Amino acid sequence: MSKKLSDEEKHKNTLQRETPKKIELDHNCCQILAILREIPRDSGIKCNAEYLKERMGVAKITVYRATSILTDLGIIEFKHGSYVRIDDGKEYFDSDTKKNIALVAGVKGLMQQYKDTPVFNNLVELLYKLEPNLAKDDEIFSSARITVPPQIEYNVNPHNWNKVYEALKRNVKIKFRYKKPYTNQLAQRTVCPYQLLLDDGSVYLFAHSDYAEMELLYDLNFMADIIITNEEFTLPKDFDFKFRCGGGRLGAYKGLNVEKYVIRFTGYAKEWIKHHKWADDQEITEDESSTTITFSSTQDDKVFQLILSWGVQAEPLAPQKLVDRWKTEITALYHKIQK
């Protein structure tokens, strides 16, 4: 004999039946959306289950599960033998959702400088999961109204990235062969990995070297045969690379000593530098024809490169070894153009 349900239980069961289950986008859904965005509308490509199966390297049943979720959410539809995005989703967004979409689309635009790195793909996938409607409103997502201009392209070795990232999560040492960029010599290294740094088209591992007994930067693309050990290490509280630059703000480079720099700018540069900080403690003095900055940093090579990039509009005044190096470089350039 079945138990008679109370009115409250009946009402609860009715609500459960009538309340739609929350559907979330998984990795395969996000991958399908990325593929659909790559395919022009007039390409003639039939983006069906067979095509997606080959592109994604998964079983066809996996494709069907993902497309079913996207179809139920009203993000895609199957039309003329091909899956396509539904473009009218924005008609159903409330004002708060539109604000969220614009915000995350802006974040995606700012992340374009890291487009060819795993972190970019992970971010876009996360944005899709947090705001599925973003995937529907391609007009906002692809509008590029907030973005960065074309940058130096990243060429990241995904195998190396994944190996190092796994070691970072576990705080364990790694071993690898390293080809020194300036000598092409191979060396075996064991390090405690601290951070992955993305800078100007390159990815660096900031780590403590057992061999050198100091913290160094390793270009990820020059690392090979990475082995994740089971040897744990204690991550220092001040592990962040920003604490190794002596206050400098010039990217992934650190020298051994903190230096005090004084640089005079003229021409357009004297106005430009007033709105940009090369270091935390940067101070500015001005006269009618120039702007002079004084700051501390360990990033001697970066400072030198930036001075050269401004040509005759930048002149180092201190330290003396920087002045001498600058004069030597300028003299060598002069002799080169005289040949």
C-alpha atoms as a PDB file:
ATOM      1  CA  MET A   1       0.000   0.000   0.000  1.00  0.00           C
ATOM      2  CA  SER A   2       1.544   3.312  -1.078  1.00  0.00           C
ATOM      3  CA  LYS A   3       1.958   6.127   1.364  1.00  0.00           C
ATOM      4  CA  LYS A   4      -0.470   9.007   0.901  1.00  0.00           C
ATOM      5  CA  LEU A   5       1.396  12.233   0.193  1.00  0.00           C
ATOM      6  CA  SER A   6       0.591  15.377   2.091  1.00  0.00           C
ATOM      7  CA  ASP A   7      -0.459  18.525   0.240  1.00  0.00           C
ATOM      8  CA  GLU A   8       2.957  20.034   1.022  1.00  0.00           C
ATOM      9  CA  GLU A   9       4.795  17.032  -0.450  1.00  0.00           C
ATOM     10  CA  LYS A  10       2.565  17.094  -3.544  1.00  0.00           C
ATOM     11  CA  HIS A  11       3.326  20.784  -4.030  1.00  0.00           C
ATOM     12  CA  LYS A  12       7.054  20.152  -3.601  1.00  0.00           C
ATOM     13  CA  ASN A  13       7.043  17.354  -6.185  1.00  0.00           C
ATOM     14  CA  THR A  14       5.116  19.540  -8.618  1.00  0.00           C
ATOM     15  CA  LEU A  15       7.697  22.298  -8.268  1.00  0.00           C
ATOM     16  CA  GLN A  16      10.528  19.837  -8.860  1.00  0.00           C
ATOM     17  CA  ARG A  17       8.882  18.623 -12.066  1.00  0.00           C
ATOM     18  CA  GLU A  18       8.155  22.117 -13.327  1.00  0.00           C
ATOM     19  CA  THR A  19      11.487  23.697 -12.379  1.00  0.00           C
ATOM     20  CA  PRO A  20      13.963  23.220 -15.228  1.00  0.00           C
ATOM     21  CA  LYS A  21      17.321  21.754 -14.310  1.00  0.00           C
ATOM     22  CA  LYS A  22      20.260  24.123 -14.554  1.00  0.00           C
ATOM     23  CA  ILE A  23      22.347  23.190 -17.554  1.00  0.00           C
ATOM     24  CA  GLU A  24      26.026  24.163 -17.554  1.00  0.00           C
ATOM     25  CA  LEU A  25      28.509  24.241 -20.397  1.00  0.00           C
ATOM     26  CA  ASP A  26      31.299  21.686 -20.146  1.00  0.00           C
ATOM     27  CA  HIS A  27      34.654  21.633 -21.933  1.00  0.00           C
ATOM     28  CA  ASN A  28      33.215  19.984 -25.045  1.00  0.00           C
ATOM     29  CA  CYS A  29      30.467  22.619 -25.314  1.00  0.00           C
ATOM     30  CA  CYS A  30      33.050  25.383 -25.147  1.00  0.00           C
ATOM     31  CA  GLN A  31      35.190  23.661 -27.759  1.00  0.00           C
ATOM     32  CA  ILE A  32      32.244  23.390 -30.151  1.00  0.00           C
ATOM     33  CA  LEU A  33      31.454  27.093 -29.720  1.00  0.00           C
ATOM     34  CA  ALA A  34      35.080  27.966 -30.450  1.00  0.00           C
ATOM     35  CA  ILE A  35      34.977  25.856 -33.631  1.00  0.00           C
ATOM     36  CA  LEU A  36      31.723  27.473 -34.784  1.00  0.00           C
ATOM     37  CA  ARG A  37      33.264  30.910 -34.327  1.00  0.00           C
ATOM     38  CA  GLU A  38      36.210  29.971 -36.534  1.00  0.00           C
ATOM     39  CA  ILE A  39      34.021  28.882 -39.457  1.00  0.00           C
ATOM     40  CA  PRO A  40      32.757  31.725 -41.693  1.00  0.00           C
ATOM     41  CA  ARG A  41      29.046  31.608 -42.487  1.00  0.00           C
ATOM     42  CA  ASP A  42      29.653  31.298 -46.236  1.00  0.00           C
ATOM     43  CA  SER A  43      32.505  28.778 -46.036  1.00  0.00           C
ATOM     44  CA  GLY A  44      30.424  25.839 -47.258  1.00  0.00           C
ATOM     45  CA  ILE A  45      31.732  23.669 -44.412  1.00  0.00           C
ATOM     46  CA  LYS A  46      29.139  21.298 -42.964  1.00  0.00           C
ATOM     47  CA  CYS A  47      29.767  21.475 -39.242  1.00  0.00           C
ATOM     48  CA  ASN A  48      27.931  18.258 -38.412  1.00  0.00           C
ATOM     49  CA  ALA A  49      28.652  15.593 -35.792  1.00  0.00           C
ATOM     50  CA  GLU A  50      31.197  13.850 -38.029  1.00  0.00           C
ATOM     51  CA  TYR A  51      33.098  17.098 -38.632  1.00  0.00           C
ATOM     52  CA  LEU A  52      33.083  17.998 -34.924  1.00  0.00           C
ATOM     53  CA  LYS A  53      34.189  14.486 -33.988  1.00  0.00           C
ATOM     54  CA  GLU A  54      37.282  14.818 -36.210  1.00  0.00           C
ATOM     55  CA  ARG A  55      38.077  18.361 -35.060  1.00  0.00           C
ATOM     56  CA  MET A  56      37.706  17.553 -31.363  1.00  0.00           C
ATOM     57  CA  GLY A  57      39.201  14.071 -31.391  1.00  0.00           C
ATOM     58  CA  VAL A  58      36.321  12.605 -29.371  1.00  0.00           C
ATOM     59  CA  ALA A  59      33.629   9.969 -29.855  1.00  0.00           C
ATOM     60  CA  LYS A  60      30.493  10.929 -31.756  1.00  0.00           C
ATOM     61  CA  ILE A  61      28.328  10.295 -28.688  1.00  0.00           C
ATOM     62  CA  THR A  62      30.366  12.974 -26.867  1.00  0.00           C
ATOM     63  CA  VAL A  63      29.580  15.412 -29.672  1.00  0.00           C
ATOM     64  CA  TYR A  64      25.876  14.573 -29.465  1.00  0.00           C
ATOM     65  CA  ARG A  65      25.806  15.162 -25.699  1.00  0.00           C
ATOM     66  CA  ALA A  66      27.455  18.567 -26.043  1.00  0.00           C
ATOM     67  CA  THR A  67      25.333  19.719 -28.988  1.00  0.00           C
ATOM     68  CA  SER A  68      22.216  18.603 -27.113  1.00  0.00           C
ATOM     69  CA  ILE A  69      23.148  20.878 -24.192  1.00  0.00           C
ATOM     70  CA  LEU A  70      23.862  23.819 -26.511  1.00  0.00           C
ATOM     71  CA  THR A  71      20.612  23.230 -28.393  1.00  0.00           C
ATOM     72  CA  ASP A  72      18.585  23.052 -25.175  1.00  0.00           C
ATOM     73  CA  LEU A  73      20.124  26.362 -24.089  1.00  0.00           C
ATOM     74  CA  GLY A  74      19.155  27.944 -27.398  1.00  0.00           C
ATOM     75  CA  ILE A  75      22.773  28.727 -28.265  1.00  0.00           C
ATOM     76  CA  ILE A  76      22.991  26.625 -31.453  1.00  0.00           C
ATOM     77  CA  GLU A  77      20.637  24.828 -33.836  1.00  0.00           C
ATOM     78  CA  PHE A  78      20.978  22.162 -36.535  1.00  0.00           C
ATOM     79  CA  LYS A  79      20.129  23.772 -39.855  1.00  0.00           C
ATOM     80  CA  HIS A  80      20.659  22.516 -43.433  1.00  0.00           C
ATOM     81  CA  GLY A  81      22.892  19.676 -42.245  1.00  0.00           C
ATOM     82  CA  SER A  82      25.128  21.832 -40.067  1.00  0.00           C
ATOM     83  CA  TYR A  83      25.242  23.181 -36.528  1.00  0.00           C
ATOM     84  CA  VAL A  84      25.074  26.992 -36.470  1.00  0.00           C
ATOM     85  CA  ARG A  85      24.881  29.668 -33.804  1.00  0.00           C
ATOM     86  CA  ILE A  86      21.535  31.304 -33.053  1.00  0.00           C
ATOM     87  CA  ASP A  87      22.029  35.048 -33.414  1.00  0.00           C
ATOM     88  CA  ASP A  88      18.784  36.334 -31.916  1.00  0.00           C
ATOM     89  CA  GLY A  89      19.580  35.428 -28.311  1.00  0.00           C
ATOM     90  CA  LYS A  90      20.247  39.023 -27.324  1.00  0.00           C
ATOM     91  CA  GLU A  91      16.535  39.828 -27.641  1.00  0.00           C
ATOM     92  CA  TYR A  92      15.857  37.843 -24.485  1.00  0.00           C
ATOM     93  CA  PHE A  93      18.594  39.301 -22.245  1.00  0.00           C
ATOM     94  CA  ASP A  94      17.611  41.470 -19.309  1.00  0.00           C
ATOM     95  CA  SER A  95      19.634  44.598 -18.506  1.00  0.00           C
ATOM     96  CA  ASP A  96      21.804  42.922 -15.856  1.00  0.00           C
ATOM     97  CA  THR A  97      22.716  40.101 -18.214  1.00  0.00           C
ATOM     98  CA  LYS A  98      23.665  42.586 -20.917  1.00  0.00           C
ATOM     99  CA  LYS A  99      25.970  44.344 -18.469  1.00  0.00           C
ATOM    100  CA  ASN A 100      27.584  41.032 -17.551  1.00  0.00           C
ATOM    101  CA  ILE A 101      28.074  40.119 -21.194  1.00  0.00           C
ATOM    102  CA  ALA A 102      29.653  43.475 -22.009  1.00  0.00           C
ATOM    103  CA  LEU A 103      31.944  43.171 -18.996  1.00  0.00           C
ATOM    104  CA  VAL A 104      33.227  39.683 -19.723  1.00  0.00           C
ATOM    105  CA  ALA A 105      33.528  40.474 -23.427  1.00  0.00           C
ATOM    106  CA  GLY A 106      35.754  43.383 -22.439  1.00  0.00           C
ATOM    107  CA  VAL A 107      37.874  41.090 -20.293  1.00  0.00           C
ATOM    108  CA  LYS A 108      38.208  38.704 -23.215  1.00  0.00           C
ATOM    109  CA  GLY A 109      39.306  41.593 -25.404  1.00  0.00           C
ATOM    110  CA  LEU A 110      41.997  42.628 -22.952  1.00  0.00           C
ATOM    111  CA  MET A 111      43.206  39.021 -22.810  1.00  0.00           C
ATOM    112  CA  GLN A 112      43.810  38.951 -26.579  1.00  0.00           C
ATOM    113  CA  GLN A 113      47.503  39.610 -25.966  1.00  0.00           C
ATOM    114  CA  TYR A 114      47.664  36.110 -24.466  1.00  0.00           C
ATOM    115  CA  LYS A 115      45.562  34.470 -27.191  1.00  0.00           C
ATOM    116  CA  ASP A 116      48.001  31.700 -28.123  1.00  0.00           C
ATOM    117  CA  THR A 117      48.572  30.545 -24.560  1.00  0.00           C
ATOM    118  CA  PRO A 118      46.685  27.892 -22.553  1.00  0.00           C
ATOM    119  CA  VAL A 119      45.660  30.510 -20.001  1.00  0.00           C
ATOM    120  CA  PHE A 120      43.630  32.348 -22.680  1.00  0.00           C
ATOM    121  CA  ASN A 121      41.728  29.214 -23.679  1.00  0.00           C
ATOM    122  CA  ASN A 122      41.021  28.412 -20.029  1.00  0.00           C
ATOM    123  CA  LEU A 123      39.734  31.940 -19.416  1.00  0.00           C
ATOM    124  CA  VAL A 124      37.376  31.899 -22.401  1.00  0.00           C
ATOM    125  CA  GLU A 125      36.053  28.516 -21.295  1.00  0.00           C
ATOM    126  CA  LEU A 126      35.509  29.887 -17.787  1.00  0.00           C
ATOM    127  CA  LEU A 127      33.662  32.929 -19.150  1.00  0.00           C
ATOM    128  CA  TYR A 128      31.361  30.663 -21.144  1.00  0.00           C
ATOM    129  CA  LYS A 129      30.572  28.674 -18.000  1.00  0.00           C
ATOM    130  CA  LEU A 130      29.970  31.752 -15.854  1.00  0.00           C
ATOM    131  CA  GLU A 131      27.828  33.484 -18.461  1.00  0.00           C
ATOM    132  CA  PRO A 132      26.415  31.043 -21.066  1.00  0.00           C
ATOM    133  CA  ASN A 133      24.509  33.897 -22.734  1.00  0.00           C
ATOM    134  CA  LEU A 134      27.884  35.286 -23.750  1.00  0.00           C
ATOM    135  CA  ALA A 135      28.156  32.410 -26.189  1.00  0.00           C
ATOM    136  CA  LYS A 136      24.809  33.390 -27.752  1.00  0.00           C
ATOM    137  CA  ASP A 137      25.502  37.061 -28.240  1.00  0.00           C
ATOM    138  CA  ASP A 138      28.323  36.811 -30.744  1.00  0.00           C
ATOM    139  CA  GLU A 139      27.847  40.448 -31.768  1.00  0.00           C
ATOM    140  CA  ILE A 140      28.937  41.717 -28.360  1.00  0.00           C
ATOM    141  CA  PHE A 141      31.544  39.024 -27.823  1.00  0.00           C
ATOM    142  CA  SER A 142      33.255  39.637 -31.143  1.00  0.00           C
ATOM    143  CA  SER A 143      32.783  43.390 -31.329  1.00  0.00           C
ATOM    144  CA  ALA A 144      36.320  44.121 -30.048  1.00  0.00           C
ATOM    145  CA  ARG A 145      35.218  47.492 -28.700  1.00  0.00           C
ATOM    146  CA  ILE A 146      37.565  46.962 -25.750  1.00  0.00           C
ATOM    147  CA  THR A 147      40.730  45.137 -26.761  1.00  0.00           C
ATOM    148  CA  VAL A 148      44.472  45.419 -27.292  1.00  0.00           C
ATOM    149  CA  PRO A 149      46.219  45.947 -30.645  1.00  0.00           C
ATOM    150  CA  PRO A 150      48.054  43.042 -32.319  1.00  0.00           C
ATOM    151  CA  GLN A 151      50.886  41.801 -30.116  1.00  0.00           C
ATOM    152  CA  ILE A 152      53.950  39.620 -30.604  1.00  0.00           C
ATOM    153  CA  GLU A 153      52.558  36.134 -31.093  1.00  0.00           C
ATOM    154  CA  TYR A 154      53.045  33.537 -28.375  1.00  0.00           C
ATOM    155  CA  ASN A 155      54.352  30.147 -29.490  1.00  0.00           C
ATOM    156  CA  VAL A 156      53.837  28.066 -26.377  1.00  0.00           C
ATOM    157  CA  ASN A 157      54.833  24.424 -26.103  1.00  0.00           C
ATOM    158  CA  PRO A 158      51.626  22.989 -24.560  1.00  0.00           C
ATOM    159  CA  HIS A 159      53.393  19.857 -23.283  1.00  0.00           C
ATOM    160  CA  ASN A 160      55.914  21.958 -21.359  1.00  0.00           C
ATOM    161  CA  TRP A 161      53.177  24.271 -20.090  1.00  0.00           C
ATOM    162  CA  ASN A 162      51.094  21.397 -18.737  1.00  0.00           C
ATOM    163  CA  LYS A 163      54.072  19.718 -17.073  1.00  0.00           C
ATOM    164  CA  VAL A 164      55.229  22.897 -15.351  1.00  0.00           C
ATOM    165  CA  TYR A 165      51.685  23.871 -14.389  1.00  0.00           C
ATOM    166  CA  GLU A 166      51.166  20.490 -12.728  1.00  0.00           C
ATOM    167  CA  ALA A 167      54.380  20.953 -10.720  1.00  0.00           C
ATOM    168  CA  LEU A 168      53.286  24.462  -9.701  1.00  0.00           C
ATOM    169  CA  LYS A 169      50.028  23.114  -8.307  1.00  0.00           C
ATOM    170  CA  ARG A 170      51.802  20.432  -6.283  1.00  0.00           C
ATOM    171  CA  ASN A 171      54.872  22.467  -5.198  1.00  0.00           C
ATOM    172  CA  VAL A 172      57.274  19.753  -6.353  1.00  0.00           C
ATOM    173  CA  LYS A 173      60.633  20.037  -8.095  1.00  0.00           C
ATOM    174  CA  ILE A 174      61.094  19.369 -11.798  1.00  0.00           C
ATOM    175  CA  LYS A 175      64.073  18.170 -13.823  1.00  0.00           C
ATOM    176  CA  PHE A 176      64.689  19.124 -17.449  1.00  0.00           C
ATOM    177  CA  ARG A 177      67.270  19.700 -20.151  1.00  0.00           C
ATOM    178  CA  TYR A 178      67.768  23.377 -20.930  1.00  0.00           C
ATOM    179  CA  LYS A 179      69.278  24.926 -24.040  1.00  0.00           C
ATOM    180  CA  LYS A 180      70.848  28.239 -23.079  1.00  0.00           C
ATOM    181  CA  PRO A 181      69.544  30.795 -25.624  1.00  0.00           C
ATOM    182  CA  TYR A 182      72.857  32.631 -26.077  1.00  0.00           C
ATOM    183  CA  THR A 183      75.228  29.645 -26.234  1.00  0.00           C
ATOM    184  CA  ASN A 184      72.999  26.784 -27.470  1.00  0.00           C
ATOM    185  CA  GLN A 185      74.656  24.587 -24.838  1.00  0.00           C
ATOM    186  CA  LEU A 186      72.513  21.908 -23.198  1.00  0.00           C
ATOM    187  CA  ALA A 187      72.440  21.599 -19.420  1.00  0.00           C
ATOM    188  CA  GLN A 188      70.552  19.364 -17.002  1.00  0.00           C
ATOM    189  CA  ARG A 189      68.699  21.362 -14.357  1.00  0.00           C
ATOM    190  CA  THR A 190      66.633  20.682 -11.237  1.00  0.00           C
ATOM    191  CA  VAL A 191      64.508  23.581  -9.990  1.00  0.00           C
ATOM    192  CA  CYS A 192      61.759  24.590  -7.591  1.00  0.00           C
ATOM    193  CA  PRO A 193      59.127  26.196  -9.890  1.00  0.00           C
ATOM    194  CA  TYR A 194      57.630  29.426  -8.533  1.00  0.00           C
ATOM    195  CA  GLN A 195      55.697  31.119 -11.355  1.00  0.00           C
ATOM    196  CA  LEU A 196      54.942  31.165 -15.068  1.00  0.00           C
ATOM    197  CA  LEU A 197      55.495  34.658 -16.503  1.00  0.00           C
ATOM    198  CA  LEU A 198      53.931  35.791 -19.794  1.00  0.00           C
ATOM    199  CA  ASP A 199      55.846  38.688 -21.292  1.00  0.00           C
ATOM    200  CA  ASP A 200      56.194  40.140 -24.782  1.00  0.00           C
ATOM    201  CA  GLY A 201      55.458  36.927 -26.683  1.00  0.00           C
ATOM    202  CA  SER A 202      57.489  34.614 -24.443  1.00  0.00           C
ATOM    203  CA  VAL A 203      56.639  32.429 -21.456  1.00  0.00           C
ATOM    204  CA  TYR A 204      59.221  32.124 -18.689  1.00  0.00           C
ATOM    205  CA  LEU A 205      59.470  29.855 -15.680  1.00  0.00           C
ATOM    206  CA  PHE A 206      60.622  31.742 -12.588  1.00  0.00           C
ATOM    207  CA  ALA A 207      62.286  29.156 -10.372  1.00  0.00           C
ATOM    208  CA  HIS A 208      64.997  28.466  -7.814  1.00  0.00           C
ATOM    209  CA  SER A 209      67.859  26.514  -9.380  1.00  0.00           C
ATOM    210  CA  ASP A 210      69.509  23.772  -7.312  1.00  0.00           C
ATOM    211  CA  TYR A 211      72.607  24.032  -9.521  1.00  0.00           C
ATOM    212  CA  ALA A 212      73.075  27.806  -9.377  1.00  0.00           C
ATOM    213  CA  GLU A 213      71.632  28.122  -5.852  1.00  0.00           C
ATOM    214  CA  MET A 214      69.723  31.201  -6.959  1.00  0.00           C
ATOM    215  CA  GLU A 215      66.482  32.253  -8.620  1.00  0.00           C
ATOM    216  CA  LEU A 216      66.530  32.322 -12.419  1.00  0.00           C
ATOM    217  CA  LEU A 217      64.234  32.682 -15.432  1.00  0.00           C
ATOM    218  CA  TYR A 218      63.915  29.858 -17.968  1.00  0.00           C
ATOM    219  CA  ASP A 219      62.317  30.264 -21.396  1.00  0.00           C
ATOM    220  CA  LEU A 220      59.618  27.574 -21.582  1.00  0.00           C
ATOM    221  CA  ASN A 221      60.363  26.807 -25.240  1.00  0.00           C
ATOM    222  CA  PHE A 222      64.015  26.017 -24.472  1.00  0.00           C
ATOM    223  CA  MET A 223      63.094  23.378 -21.886  1.00  0.00           C
ATOM    224  CA  ALA A 224      62.915  19.685 -22.870  1.00  0.00           C
ATOM    225  CA  ASP A 225      62.322  16.264 -21.300  1.00  0.00           C
ATOM    226  CA  ILE A 226      60.589  17.714 -18.235  1.00  0.00           C
ATOM    227  CA  ILE A 227      60.208  15.254 -15.359  1.00  0.00           C
ATOM    228  CA  ILE A 228      57.939  15.987 -12.409  1.00  0.00           C
ATOM    229  CA  THR A 229      59.564  14.630  -9.256  1.00  0.00           C
ATOM    230  CA  ASN A 230      57.922  13.723  -5.964  1.00  0.00           C
ATOM    231  CA  GLU A 231      60.298  15.988  -4.042  1.00  0.00           C
ATOM    232  CA  GLU A 232      58.207  18.691  -2.400  1.00  0.00           C
ATOM    233  CA  PHE A 233      59.470  22.165  -1.522  1.00  0.00           C
ATOM    234  CA  THR A 234      58.138  24.998   0.601  1.00  0.00           C
ATOM    235  CA  LEU A 235      57.017  27.940  -1.507  1.00  0.00           C
ATOM    236  CA  PRO A 236      58.445  31.186  -0.034  1.00  0.00           C
ATOM    237  CA  LYS A 237      55.874  33.760   1.077  1.00  0.00           C
ATOM    238  CA  ASP A 238      57.569  36.334  -1.163  1.00  0.00           C
ATOM    239  CA  PHE A 239      57.810  33.997  -4.178  1.00  0.00           C
ATOM    240  CA  ASP A 240      56.193  36.529  -6.544  1.00  0.00           C
ATOM    241  CA  PHE A 241      58.563  37.776  -9.263  1.00  0.00           C
ATOM    242  CA  LYS A 242      57.538  41.384  -8.606  1.00  0.00           C
ATOM    243  CA  PHE A 243      59.610  41.287  -5.404  1.00  0.00           C
ATOM    244  CA  ARG A 244      62.801  40.574  -7.401  1.00  0.00           C
ATOM    245  CA  CYS A 245      62.736  43.615  -9.683  1.00  0.00           C
ATOM    246  CA  GLY A 246      63.902  46.194  -7.148  1.00  0.00           C
ATOM    247  CA  GLY A 247      60.773  48.203  -7.859  1.00  0.00           C
ATOM    248  CA  GLY A 248      61.187  47.993 -11.635  1.00  0.00           C
ATOM    249  CA  ARG A 249      58.131  47.537 -13.871  1.00  0.00           C
ATOM    250  CA  LEU A 250      59.749  46.516 -17.137  1.00  0.00           C
ATOM    251  CA  GLY A 251      58.731  42.889 -17.587  1.00  0.00           C
ATOM    252  CA  ALA A 252      60.327  39.483 -17.147  1.00  0.00           C
ATOM    253  CA  TYR A 253      63.929  40.365 -16.372  1.00  0.00           C
ATOM    254  CA  LYS A 254      65.929  40.742 -13.187  1.00  0.00           C
ATOM    255  CA  GLY A 255      69.540  41.623 -12.526  1.00  0.00           C
ATOM    256  CA  LEU A 256      71.579  40.931  -9.420  1.00  0.00           C
ATOM    257  CA  ASN A 257      71.750  44.404  -7.893  1.00  0.00           C
ATOM    258  CA  VAL A 258      69.414  47.348  -7.370  1.00  0.00           C
ATOM    259  CA  GLU A 259      70.685  50.405  -9.247  1.00  0.00           C
ATOM    260  CA  LYS A 260      69.615  54.046  -9.148  1.00  0.00           C
ATOM    261  CA  TYR A 261      68.834  55.307 -12.645  1.00  0.00           C
ATOM    262  CA  VAL A 262      68.600  58.861 -13.932  1.00  0.00           C
ATOM    263  CA  ILE A 263      67.390  59.397 -17.509  1.00  0.00           C
ATOM    264  CA  ARG A 264      66.659  62.635 -19.371  1.00  0.00           C
ATOM    265  CA  PHE A 265      63.931  62.740 -22.035  1.00  0.00           C
ATOM    266  CA  THR A 266      63.363  65.395 -24.703  1.00  0.00           C
ATOM    267  CA  GLY A 267      61.005  65.878 -27.648  1.00  0.00           C
ATOM    268  CA  TYR A 268      57.782  63.878 -27.560  1.00  0.00           C
ATOM    269  CA  ALA A 269      59.287  61.510 -24.986  1.00  0.00           C
ATOM    270  CA  LYS A 270      59.443  64.226 -22.328  1.00  0.00           C
ATOM    271  CA  GLU A 271      55.641  64.404 -22.294  1.00  0.00           C
ATOM    272  CA  TRP A 272      55.072  60.662 -22.733  1.00  0.00           C
ATOM    273  CA  ILE A 273      57.221  59.624 -19.779  1.00  0.00           C
ATOM    274  CA  LYS A 274      55.233  61.828 -17.385  1.00  0.00           C
ATOM    275  CA  HIS A 275      52.279  59.473 -17.819  1.00  0.00           C
ATOM    276  CA  HIS A 276      54.175  56.173 -17.548  1.00  0.00           C
ATOM    277  CA  LYS A 277      55.943  54.522 -14.627  1.00  0.00           C
ATOM    278  CA  TRP A 278      59.105  52.495 -15.170  1.00  0.00           C
ATOM    279  CA  ALA A 279      59.426  51.816 -11.429  1.00  0.00           C
ATOM    280  CA  ASP A 280      57.519  52.102  -8.160  1.00  0.00           C
ATOM    281  CA  ASP A 281      59.672  54.926  -6.763  1.00  0.00           C
ATOM    282  CA  GLN A 282      59.929  56.950  -9.991  1.00  0.00           C
ATOM    283  CA  GLU A 283      60.397  60.689  -9.451  1.00  0.00           C
ATOM    284  CA  ILE A 284      60.143  63.399 -12.095  1.00  0.00           C
ATOM    285  CA  THR A 285      61.844  66.760 -12.493  1.00  0.00           C
ATOM    286  CA  GLU A 286      61.157  69.112 -15.387  1.00  0.00           C
ATOM    287  CA  ASP A 287      62.564  72.133 -17.149  1.00  0.00           C
ATOM    288  CA  GLU A 288      61.508  73.864 -20.364  1.00  0.00           C
ATOM    289  CA  SER A 289      63.208  71.396 -22.697  1.00  0.00           C
ATOM    290  CA  SER A 290      63.280  68.075 -20.845  1.00  0.00           C
ATOM    291  CA  THR A 291      61.824  65.683 -18.281  1.00  0.00           C
ATOM    292  CA  THR A 292      64.200  63.712 -16.068  1.00  0.00           C
ATOM    293  CA  ILE A 293      63.174  60.564 -14.198  1.00  0.00           C
ATOM    294  CA  THR A 294      64.958  58.980 -11.240  1.00  0.00           C
ATOM    295  CA  PHE A 295      64.118  55.453 -10.090  1.00  0.00           C
ATOM    296  CA  SER A 296      65.443  52.183  -8.641  1.00  0.00           C
ATOM    297  CA  SER A 297      65.464  48.832 -10.440  1.00  0.00           C
ATOM    298  CA  THR A 298      67.342  45.565 -10.951  1.00  0.00           C
ATOM    299  CA  GLN A 299      66.274  45.437 -14.620  1.00  0.00           C
ATOM    300  CA  ASP A 300      69.406  46.896 -16.195  1.00  0.00           C
ATOM    301  CA  ASP A 301      69.061  45.270 -19.632  1.00  0.00           C
ATOM    302  CA  LYS A 302      65.409  46.305 -19.953  1.00  0.00           C
ATOM    303  CA  VAL A 303      66.262  49.880 -19.000  1.00  0.00           C
ATOM    304  CA  PHE A 304      69.037  49.915 -21.601  1.00  0.00           C
ATOM    305  CA  GLN A 305      66.748  48.565 -24.343  1.00  0.00           C
ATOM    306  CA  LEU A 306      64.058  51.155 -23.636  1.00  0.00           C
ATOM    307  CA  ILE A 307      66.571  53.998 -23.705  1.00  0.00           C
ATOM    308  CA  LEU A 308      67.763  52.840 -27.125  1.00  0.00           C
ATOM    309  CA  SER A 309      64.163  52.554 -28.353  1.00  0.00           C
ATOM    310  CA  TRP A 310      63.692  56.303 -27.809  1.00  0.00           C
ATOM    311  CA  GLY A 311      66.743  57.172 -29.907  1.00  0.00           C
ATOM    312  CA  VAL A 312      67.972  60.744 -29.482  1.00  0.00           C
ATOM    313  CA  GLN A 313      65.038  61.575 -27.191  1.00  0.00           C
ATOM    314  CA  ALA A 314      66.488  59.577 -24.255  1.00  0.00           C
ATOM    315  CA  GLU A 315      69.862  60.122 -22.563  1.00  0.00           C
ATOM    316  CA  PRO A 316      71.083  58.151 -19.509  1.00  0.00           C
ATOM    317  CA  LEU A 317      72.759  60.260 -16.807  1.00  0.00           C
ATOM    318  CA  ALA A 318      73.352  57.573 -14.137  1.00  0.00           C
ATOM    319  CA  PRO A 319      74.697  55.104 -13.171  1.00  0.00           C
ATOM    320  CA  GLN A 320      78.002  55.652 -14.953  1.00  0.00           C
ATOM    321  CA  LYS A 321      78.257  52.075 -16.243  1.00  0.00           C
ATOM    322  CA  LEU A 322      74.922  52.564 -18.055  1.00  0.00           C
ATOM    323  CA  VAL A 323      76.166  55.836 -19.551  1.00  0.00           C
ATOM    324  CA  ASP A 324      79.358  54.111 -20.748  1.00  0.00           C
ATOM    325  CA  ARG A 325      77.418  51.192 -22.204  1.00  0.00           C
ATOM    326  CA  TRP A 326      75.066  53.579 -24.020  1.00  0.00           C
ATOM    327  CA  LYS A 327      77.972  55.568 -25.502  1.00  0.00           C
ATOM    328  CA  THR A 328      79.680  52.356 -26.652  1.00  0.00           C
ATOM    329  CA  GLU A 329      76.490  51.183 -28.355  1.00  0.00           C
ATOM    330  CA  ILE A 330      75.849  54.535 -30.039  1.00  0.00           C
ATOM    331  CA  THR A 331      79.468  54.689 -31.235  1.00  0.00           C
ATOM    332  CA  ALA A 332      79.226  51.163 -32.661  1.00  0.00           C
ATOM    333  CA  LEU A 333      76.021  52.084 -34.477  1.00  0.00           C
ATOM    334  CA  TYR A 334      77.680  55.194 -35.894  1.00  0.00           C
ATOM    335  CA  HIS A 335      80.627  53.175 -37.219  1.00  0.00           C
ATOM    336  CA  LYS A 336      78.218  50.661 -38.711  1.00  0.00           C
ATOM    337  CA  ILE A 337      76.354  53.235 -40.803  1.00  0.00           C
ATOM    338  CA  GLN A 338      79.660  54.717 -41.998  1.00  0.00           C
ATOM    339  CA  LYS A 339      80.649  51.463 -43.709  1.00  0.00           C
END
